[in-house]
Amino acid sequence: MTSHRVDFTVSSDADLSVADAGEAIMLGVSPFNGFYRPATVEILVGWAAERFQHVYVLLAGPEAAQRFISRGQTPRRAVAKVKTAVHQQRRAACRALAVSGCSDPNSYVLVWTRLASSPRYQSLRLSAADAYATVPPVRDMIRSMVSDAVAPGADKPPPSEAIEANAPYVLAETPILVDAPRILGHDTTVFAYHQHMPLHELLATGVVPALKPAPGQVCARLTLQGVAP
């Protein structure tokens, strides 16, 4: 068992009951945040494996390279940087899953391109793109998230074209915030990240009926005590 203190937070008692059921959890892993060092990924996977029957790890897809491109790096260098980070995270996740007794770790370590084979994922991804184009609160939320991520400095907002170029990164993740259970084939699933997910909270209000989180879909904040995200 892990000796590290893990802080796990959900927003309601109902969400906690889903988490306590322990069916499935998906850990979102960012290639940009130093919190997700390989050692941290191993700790989080090990912690999750003690509490859930199925542990998935979601790694960044090719959309992630655009963030570095928007900051001035060449596409070749940006893609290489993402590939290196994702490769290290994949190895760490697979190693931890194997230690926990998973017989086929590769089937539980996923990127968005693998999820895209799911008809439910495809449908929700299209709904997310439509909402971004037509629903002002969703568009404003996503643009704010992207702006914070790609801003060149605290007092330097990114140009609009950089925000638009990076929006697909958030749109690709949106289906997992809405209906991970059906996409993965479970009754309940917790999606865990190192930050709270305001987009999930907005969609939970029903602002876009097609994107209202499904029953059994929970989002949680998962961090390590003493390790700053």
Protein backbone atom coordinates (compact mmCIF):
# COMPACT_ATOMS: atom_id res chain seq x y z
CA MET A 1 0.00 0.00 0.00
CA THR A 2 1.16 3.53 -0.73
CA SER A 3 2.54 5.46 2.23
CA HIS A 4 1.94 8.84 0.54
CA ARG A 5 -0.92 11.04 1.67
CA VAL A 6 -3.38 11.45 -1.17
CA ASP A 7 -6.04 14.15 -1.04
CA PHE A 8 -9.20 13.06 -2.87
CA THR A 9 -12.12 15.51 -3.08
CA VAL A 10 -15.57 15.26 -4.63
CA SER A 11 -18.31 17.86 -4.58
CA SER A 12 -21.21 16.00 -2.93
CA ASP A 13 -22.25 13.02 -0.83
CA ALA A 14 -23.78 11.47 -3.95
CA ASP A 15 -20.46 11.73 -5.74
CA LEU A 16 -18.73 10.22 -2.73
CA SER A 17 -21.08 7.24 -2.79
CA VAL A 18 -20.16 6.62 -6.42
CA ALA A 19 -16.47 6.83 -5.56
CA ASP A 20 -16.94 4.53 -2.58
CA ALA A 21 -18.54 1.93 -4.88
CA GLY A 22 -15.06 1.60 -6.36
CA GLU A 23 -15.99 0.42 -9.83
CA ALA A 24 -13.75 2.50 -12.12
CA ILE A 25 -11.55 5.57 -12.06
CA MET A 26 -9.79 7.43 -14.84
CA LEU A 27 -6.77 9.52 -13.95
CA GLY A 28 -6.24 12.50 -16.23
CA VAL A 29 -2.51 13.11 -16.74
CA SER A 30 -1.20 16.37 -18.20
CA PRO A 31 2.06 16.58 -20.18
CA PHE A 32 2.38 20.25 -19.19
CA ASN A 33 2.18 20.16 -15.40
CA GLY A 34 5.26 19.19 -13.40
CA PHE A 35 2.98 17.55 -10.84
CA TYR A 36 2.68 14.58 -13.18
CA ARG A 37 6.24 13.39 -12.90
CA PRO A 38 6.57 9.65 -13.53
CA ALA A 39 6.99 9.00 -9.80
CA THR A 40 3.77 10.87 -9.04
CA VAL A 41 1.90 8.98 -11.74
CA GLU A 42 3.01 5.71 -10.17
CA ILE A 43 1.86 6.83 -6.72
CA LEU A 44 -1.55 7.92 -7.97
CA VAL A 45 -2.10 4.73 -9.94
CA GLY A 46 -1.06 2.63 -6.96
CA TRP A 47 -3.43 4.55 -4.69
CA ALA A 48 -6.31 4.16 -7.14
CA ALA A 49 -5.66 0.45 -7.64
CA GLU A 50 -6.22 -0.14 -3.92
CA ARG A 51 -9.70 1.40 -4.13
CA PHE A 52 -11.10 0.73 -7.60
CA GLN A 53 -11.63 -2.43 -9.62
CA HIS A 54 -10.59 -0.71 -12.84
CA VAL A 55 -7.96 2.02 -13.12
CA TYR A 56 -7.55 3.90 -16.39
CA VAL A 57 -4.97 6.56 -17.19
CA LEU A 58 -5.80 9.19 -19.81
CA LEU A 59 -2.79 10.69 -21.58
CA ALA A 60 -2.74 13.70 -23.87
CA GLY A 61 -3.45 13.35 -27.56
CA PRO A 62 -1.83 15.16 -30.49
CA GLU A 63 -3.83 18.34 -29.77
CA ALA A 64 -1.45 18.96 -26.87
CA ALA A 65 1.41 19.99 -29.15
CA GLN A 66 -0.48 23.12 -30.17
CA ARG A 67 0.14 24.65 -26.76
CA PHE A 68 3.90 24.68 -27.35
CA ILE A 69 3.45 25.87 -30.93
CA SER A 70 1.41 28.81 -29.65
CA ARG A 71 4.34 29.70 -27.43
CA GLY A 72 6.71 29.90 -30.36
CA GLN A 73 8.16 26.41 -30.67
CA THR A 74 8.38 24.73 -34.05
CA PRO A 75 5.76 22.05 -34.72
CA ARG A 76 8.48 19.39 -34.87
CA ARG A 77 9.89 20.36 -31.50
CA ALA A 78 6.44 20.72 -29.96
CA VAL A 79 5.35 17.26 -31.08
CA ALA A 80 8.62 15.75 -29.87
CA LYS A 81 8.22 17.40 -26.46
CA VAL A 82 4.69 16.04 -26.02
CA LYS A 83 5.73 12.58 -27.20
CA THR A 84 8.59 12.46 -24.70
CA ALA A 85 6.39 13.49 -21.78
CA VAL A 86 3.59 11.11 -22.74
CA HIS A 87 6.02 8.22 -23.25
CA GLN A 88 7.46 8.70 -19.78
CA GLN A 89 4.01 8.94 -18.24
CA ARG A 90 2.83 5.86 -20.13
CA ARG A 91 5.75 3.80 -18.89
CA ALA A 92 5.14 4.90 -15.32
CA ALA A 93 1.41 4.16 -15.52
CA CYS A 94 1.94 0.72 -17.07
CA ARG A 95 4.58 -0.12 -14.50
CA ALA A 96 2.28 0.81 -11.61
CA LEU A 97 -0.67 -1.06 -13.11
CA ALA A 98 1.44 -4.19 -13.54
CA VAL A 99 2.59 -3.99 -9.93
CA SER A 100 -1.04 -3.69 -8.84
CA GLY A 101 -1.89 -6.92 -10.61
CA CYS A 102 -3.28 -5.67 -13.92
CA SER A 103 -2.59 -8.32 -16.55
CA ASP A 104 -2.85 -5.97 -19.55
CA PRO A 105 -1.75 -2.45 -18.54
CA ASN A 106 -1.70 -1.15 -22.12
CA SER A 107 -5.45 -1.62 -22.41
CA TYR A 108 -5.97 0.73 -19.46
CA VAL A 109 -3.56 3.50 -20.52
CA LEU A 110 -5.38 5.50 -23.16
CA VAL A 111 -5.03 8.54 -25.37
CA TRP A 112 -7.91 10.48 -26.91
CA THR A 113 -7.33 8.90 -30.33
CA ARG A 114 -8.10 5.46 -28.87
CA LEU A 115 -11.27 6.74 -27.24
CA ALA A 116 -12.40 8.18 -30.56
CA SER A 117 -13.39 4.68 -31.71
CA SER A 118 -16.29 4.83 -29.24
CA PRO A 119 -19.55 5.99 -30.89
CA ARG A 120 -20.55 7.65 -27.62
CA TYR A 121 -17.25 9.55 -27.51
CA GLN A 122 -17.70 10.65 -31.13
CA SER A 123 -21.23 11.88 -30.47
CA LEU A 124 -20.24 13.85 -27.38
CA ARG A 125 -17.18 15.30 -29.12
CA LEU A 126 -19.41 16.66 -31.88
CA SER A 127 -21.83 18.05 -29.29
CA ALA A 128 -18.94 19.74 -27.51
CA ALA A 129 -17.76 21.39 -30.72
CA ASP A 130 -21.30 22.56 -31.46
CA ALA A 131 -21.69 23.97 -27.94
CA TYR A 132 -18.40 25.81 -28.26
CA ALA A 133 -19.64 27.40 -31.45
CA THR A 134 -23.17 28.24 -30.33
CA VAL A 135 -23.50 28.41 -26.52
CA PRO A 136 -21.85 31.56 -25.10
CA PRO A 137 -21.34 30.29 -21.49
CA VAL A 138 -19.57 27.17 -22.78
CA ARG A 139 -17.50 29.13 -25.26
CA ASP A 140 -16.52 31.67 -22.62
CA MET A 141 -15.58 28.95 -20.14
CA ILE A 142 -13.41 27.05 -22.62
CA ARG A 143 -11.74 30.20 -23.90
CA SER A 144 -10.94 31.22 -20.33
CA MET A 145 -9.45 27.79 -19.58
CA VAL A 146 -7.34 27.88 -22.73
CA SER A 147 -6.27 31.48 -22.16
CA ASP A 148 -4.94 30.64 -18.70
CA ALA A 149 -3.04 27.68 -20.13
CA VAL A 150 -1.35 29.35 -23.10
CA ALA A 151 -0.88 32.92 -21.85
CA PRO A 152 2.75 34.01 -22.39
CA GLY A 153 2.74 35.84 -19.04
CA ALA A 154 0.53 36.84 -16.13
CA ASP A 155 -0.25 40.21 -17.72
CA LYS A 156 -0.09 39.07 -21.33
CA PRO A 157 -3.26 37.44 -22.63
CA PRO A 158 -2.72 35.18 -25.65
CA PRO A 159 -3.96 36.28 -29.07
CA SER A 160 -7.39 35.05 -30.09
CA GLU A 161 -5.95 32.76 -32.76
CA ALA A 162 -3.89 30.94 -30.13
CA ILE A 163 -7.01 30.37 -28.04
CA GLU A 164 -8.91 28.99 -31.02
CA ALA A 165 -6.00 26.74 -31.98
CA ASN A 166 -5.87 25.24 -28.49
CA ALA A 167 -9.61 24.85 -27.86
CA PRO A 168 -9.62 21.31 -29.39
CA TYR A 169 -7.52 20.16 -26.43
CA VAL A 170 -10.41 20.92 -24.07
CA LEU A 171 -13.04 19.71 -26.51
CA ALA A 172 -11.28 16.35 -26.81
CA GLU A 173 -11.48 15.88 -23.05
CA THR A 174 -15.08 17.02 -22.66
CA PRO A 175 -16.74 13.64 -23.42
CA ILE A 176 -14.86 12.11 -20.47
CA LEU A 177 -16.31 14.78 -18.18
CA VAL A 178 -19.80 13.94 -19.42
CA ASP A 179 -20.15 10.18 -19.85
CA ALA A 180 -17.00 8.23 -19.06
CA PRO A 181 -19.10 5.26 -17.80
CA ARG A 182 -20.66 4.59 -21.20
CA ILE A 183 -17.46 5.31 -23.10
CA LEU A 184 -15.49 2.87 -20.95
CA GLY A 185 -18.27 0.33 -20.43
CA HIS A 186 -19.05 0.76 -16.72
CA ASP A 187 -22.01 1.78 -14.57
CA THR A 188 -20.00 4.38 -12.65
CA THR A 189 -16.69 6.10 -13.29
CA VAL A 190 -14.72 8.78 -11.46
CA PHE A 191 -12.60 11.11 -13.57
CA ALA A 192 -9.82 12.51 -11.38
CA TYR A 193 -7.50 15.43 -12.06
CA HIS A 194 -5.23 17.64 -9.97
CA GLN A 195 -7.59 20.60 -10.29
CA HIS A 196 -11.31 21.15 -9.92
CA MET A 197 -13.10 21.04 -13.27
CA PRO A 198 -15.34 24.09 -13.73
CA LEU A 199 -16.42 22.92 -17.20
CA HIS A 200 -17.94 19.79 -15.65
CA GLU A 201 -19.72 21.95 -13.08
CA LEU A 202 -21.08 24.24 -15.80
CA LEU A 203 -22.35 21.32 -17.88
CA ALA A 204 -23.96 19.81 -14.78
CA THR A 205 -26.33 22.80 -14.73
CA GLY A 206 -27.89 21.53 -17.96
CA VAL A 207 -26.84 24.55 -20.02
CA VAL A 208 -26.34 22.09 -22.90
CA PRO A 209 -28.83 19.21 -22.52
CA ALA A 210 -26.80 16.90 -24.77
CA LEU A 211 -23.75 17.43 -22.55
CA LYS A 212 -25.34 17.08 -19.12
CA PRO A 213 -23.19 14.59 -17.15
CA ALA A 214 -24.68 11.12 -17.14
CA PRO A 215 -25.75 9.28 -13.98
CA GLY A 216 -22.70 7.56 -12.55
CA GLN A 217 -20.32 10.23 -13.85
CA VAL A 218 -18.24 11.83 -11.11
CA CYS A 219 -15.32 14.25 -11.28
CA ALA A 220 -12.81 14.52 -8.44
CA ARG A 221 -9.71 16.45 -7.45
CA LEU A 222 -6.76 14.17 -6.70
CA THR A 223 -3.47 15.51 -5.36
CA LEU A 224 -0.56 14.52 -3.13
CA GLN A 225 -0.09 16.26 0.17
CA GLY A 226 3.01 18.42 0.06
CA VAL A 227 3.35 18.19 -3.75
CA ALA A 228 2.19 21.37 -5.47
CA PRO A 229 0.25 20.91 -8.72
